[in-house]
Amino acid sequence: METIISCIITGVFSVLVVVIPILINNKRVINESLKCSLRNDILSIYESCKKDKRISMYQLQAIEYSYEQYKALKGNSFVDDIMNIVKMYEVID
């Protein structure tokens, strides 16, 4: 009986040793993908508003939300300057 339990514990431990690094790597890949997508959203809104220096309320809310999520994922400061610029734009309805 002890041998069966020992084999089961060893098997479970072996699976965890293989699965946990895969899950950790997948989380990193997903986080990096999300940051890339959020950064792209921020840049897209910025580019569409930069010529007229005007931003709609919807765009402002969207860019602020994307920025918050980007920073929560420990995104770098690349978009900080962009956000500071966008905050000076005229907000239109």
C-alpha atoms as a PDB file:
ATOM      1  CA  MET A   1       0.000   0.000   0.000  1.00  0.00           C
ATOM      2  CA  GLU A   2       2.800   2.410   0.882  1.00  0.00           C
ATOM      3  CA  THR A   3       4.444   1.652  -2.458  1.00  0.00           C
ATOM      4  CA  ILE A   4       1.284   2.608  -4.367  1.00  0.00           C
ATOM      5  CA  ILE A   5       0.935   5.859  -2.416  1.00  0.00           C
ATOM      6  CA  SER A   6       4.620   6.586  -2.926  1.00  0.00           C
ATOM      7  CA  CYS A   7       4.272   5.994  -6.679  1.00  0.00           C
ATOM      8  CA  ILE A   8       1.218   8.249  -6.857  1.00  0.00           C
ATOM      9  CA  ILE A   9       2.969  11.038  -4.946  1.00  0.00           C
ATOM     10  CA  THR A  10       6.066  10.699  -7.145  1.00  0.00           C
ATOM     11  CA  GLY A  11       3.905  10.779 -10.277  1.00  0.00           C
ATOM     12  CA  VAL A  12       1.994  13.852  -9.166  1.00  0.00           C
ATOM     13  CA  PHE A  13       5.214  15.608  -8.198  1.00  0.00           C
ATOM     14  CA  SER A  14       6.754  14.733 -11.579  1.00  0.00           C
ATOM     15  CA  VAL A  15       3.770  16.166 -13.420  1.00  0.00           C
ATOM     16  CA  LEU A  16       3.884  19.356 -11.353  1.00  0.00           C
ATOM     17  CA  VAL A  17       7.594  19.781 -12.047  1.00  0.00           C
ATOM     18  CA  VAL A  18       6.811  19.752 -15.770  1.00  0.00           C
ATOM     19  CA  VAL A  19       3.497  21.641 -15.758  1.00  0.00           C
ATOM     20  CA  ILE A  20       4.318  24.547 -13.426  1.00  0.00           C
ATOM     21  CA  PRO A  21       7.141  26.003 -15.587  1.00  0.00           C
ATOM     22  CA  ILE A  22       4.878  25.743 -18.651  1.00  0.00           C
ATOM     23  CA  LEU A  23       2.091  27.611 -16.847  1.00  0.00           C
ATOM     24  CA  ILE A  24       4.508  30.293 -15.644  1.00  0.00           C
ATOM     25  CA  ASN A  25       5.853  30.767 -19.158  1.00  0.00           C
ATOM     26  CA  ASN A  26       2.323  30.925 -20.592  1.00  0.00           C
ATOM     27  CA  LYS A  27       1.439  33.642 -18.092  1.00  0.00           C
ATOM     28  CA  ARG A  28       4.477  35.657 -19.213  1.00  0.00           C
ATOM     29  CA  VAL A  29       3.542  35.240 -22.865  1.00  0.00           C
ATOM     30  CA  ILE A  30      -0.055  36.284 -22.212  1.00  0.00           C
ATOM     31  CA  ASN A  31       1.041  39.325 -20.176  1.00  0.00           C
ATOM     32  CA  GLU A  32       3.471  40.435 -22.885  1.00  0.00           C
ATOM     33  CA  SER A  33       0.779  39.963 -25.533  1.00  0.00           C
ATOM     34  CA  LEU A  34      -1.703  42.011 -23.521  1.00  0.00           C
ATOM     35  CA  LYS A  35       0.838  44.793 -23.011  1.00  0.00           C
ATOM     36  CA  CYS A  36       1.552  44.845 -26.731  1.00  0.00           C
ATOM     37  CA  SER A  37      -2.151  45.039 -27.558  1.00  0.00           C
ATOM     38  CA  LEU A  38      -2.790  47.783 -24.999  1.00  0.00           C
ATOM     39  CA  ARG A  39       0.216  49.777 -26.217  1.00  0.00           C
ATOM     40  CA  ASN A  40      -1.108  49.438 -29.760  1.00  0.00           C
ATOM     41  CA  ASP A  41      -4.551  50.688 -28.661  1.00  0.00           C
ATOM     42  CA  ILE A  42      -2.971  53.698 -26.952  1.00  0.00           C
ATOM     43  CA  LEU A  43      -0.840  54.512 -29.980  1.00  0.00           C
ATOM     44  CA  SER A  44      -3.765  54.104 -32.350  1.00  0.00           C
ATOM     45  CA  ILE A  45      -5.931  56.582 -30.452  1.00  0.00           C
ATOM     46  CA  TYR A  46      -3.001  58.967 -30.075  1.00  0.00           C
ATOM     47  CA  GLU A  47      -2.225  58.856 -33.800  1.00  0.00           C
ATOM     48  CA  SER A  48      -5.860  59.455 -34.747  1.00  0.00           C
ATOM     49  CA  CYS A  49      -6.081  62.558 -32.528  1.00  0.00           C
ATOM     50  CA  LYS A  50      -2.632  64.044 -32.835  1.00  0.00           C
ATOM     51  CA  LYS A  51      -3.192  66.120 -35.978  1.00  0.00           C
ATOM     52  CA  ASP A  52      -6.179  68.095 -34.618  1.00  0.00           C
ATOM     53  CA  LYS A  53      -5.148  67.855 -30.950  1.00  0.00           C
ATOM     54  CA  ARG A  54      -8.751  66.919 -30.147  1.00  0.00           C
ATOM     55  CA  ILE A  55     -10.077  63.755 -28.540  1.00  0.00           C
ATOM     56  CA  SER A  56     -13.621  62.532 -28.011  1.00  0.00           C
ATOM     57  CA  MET A  57     -14.811  61.606 -24.546  1.00  0.00           C
ATOM     58  CA  TYR A  58     -15.111  57.975 -25.681  1.00  0.00           C
ATOM     59  CA  GLN A  59     -11.540  57.942 -26.985  1.00  0.00           C
ATOM     60  CA  LEU A  60     -10.274  59.580 -23.804  1.00  0.00           C
ATOM     61  CA  GLN A  61     -12.005  56.995 -21.621  1.00  0.00           C
ATOM     62  CA  ALA A  62     -10.681  54.175 -23.806  1.00  0.00           C
ATOM     63  CA  ILE A  63      -7.102  55.442 -23.792  1.00  0.00           C
ATOM     64  CA  GLU A  64      -7.161  56.060 -20.037  1.00  0.00           C
ATOM     65  CA  TYR A  65      -8.483  52.550 -19.380  1.00  0.00           C
ATOM     66  CA  SER A  66      -5.881  51.003 -21.678  1.00  0.00           C
ATOM     67  CA  TYR A  67      -3.171  53.037 -19.980  1.00  0.00           C
ATOM     68  CA  GLU A  68      -4.263  51.920 -16.501  1.00  0.00           C
ATOM     69  CA  GLN A  69      -4.257  48.277 -17.570  1.00  0.00           C
ATOM     70  CA  TYR A  70      -0.907  48.685 -19.322  1.00  0.00           C
ATOM     71  CA  LYS A  71       0.679  50.114 -16.176  1.00  0.00           C
ATOM     72  CA  ALA A  72      -0.960  47.418 -13.992  1.00  0.00           C
ATOM     73  CA  LEU A  73       0.826  44.843 -16.152  1.00  0.00           C
ATOM     74  CA  LYS A  74       4.071  46.694 -15.403  1.00  0.00           C
ATOM     75  CA  GLY A  75       4.287  48.239 -18.842  1.00  0.00           C
ATOM     76  CA  ASN A  76       7.245  50.544 -19.311  1.00  0.00           C
ATOM     77  CA  SER A  77       7.136  54.322 -19.346  1.00  0.00           C
ATOM     78  CA  PHE A  78       6.977  54.520 -23.151  1.00  0.00           C
ATOM     79  CA  VAL A  79       3.344  55.609 -23.091  1.00  0.00           C
ATOM     80  CA  ASP A  80       3.658  58.054 -20.185  1.00  0.00           C
ATOM     81  CA  ASP A  81       4.746  60.877 -22.481  1.00  0.00           C
ATOM     82  CA  ILE A  82       1.961  60.052 -24.924  1.00  0.00           C
ATOM     83  CA  MET A  83      -0.627  60.179 -22.153  1.00  0.00           C
ATOM     84  CA  ASN A  84       0.696  63.528 -20.938  1.00  0.00           C
ATOM     85  CA  ILE A  85       0.300  64.892 -24.460  1.00  0.00           C
ATOM     86  CA  VAL A  86      -3.197  63.443 -24.901  1.00  0.00           C
ATOM     87  CA  LYS A  87      -4.350  64.958 -21.600  1.00  0.00           C
ATOM     88  CA  MET A  88      -3.675  68.409 -23.067  1.00  0.00           C
ATOM     89  CA  TYR A  89      -5.951  67.791 -26.064  1.00  0.00           C
ATOM     90  CA  GLU A  90      -9.341  69.449 -26.314  1.00  0.00           C
ATOM     91  CA  VAL A  91     -12.058  66.996 -25.283  1.00  0.00           C
ATOM     92  CA  ILE A  92     -15.035  66.967 -27.652  1.00  0.00           C
ATOM     93  CA  ASP A  93     -18.401  65.204 -27.399  1.00  0.00           C
END
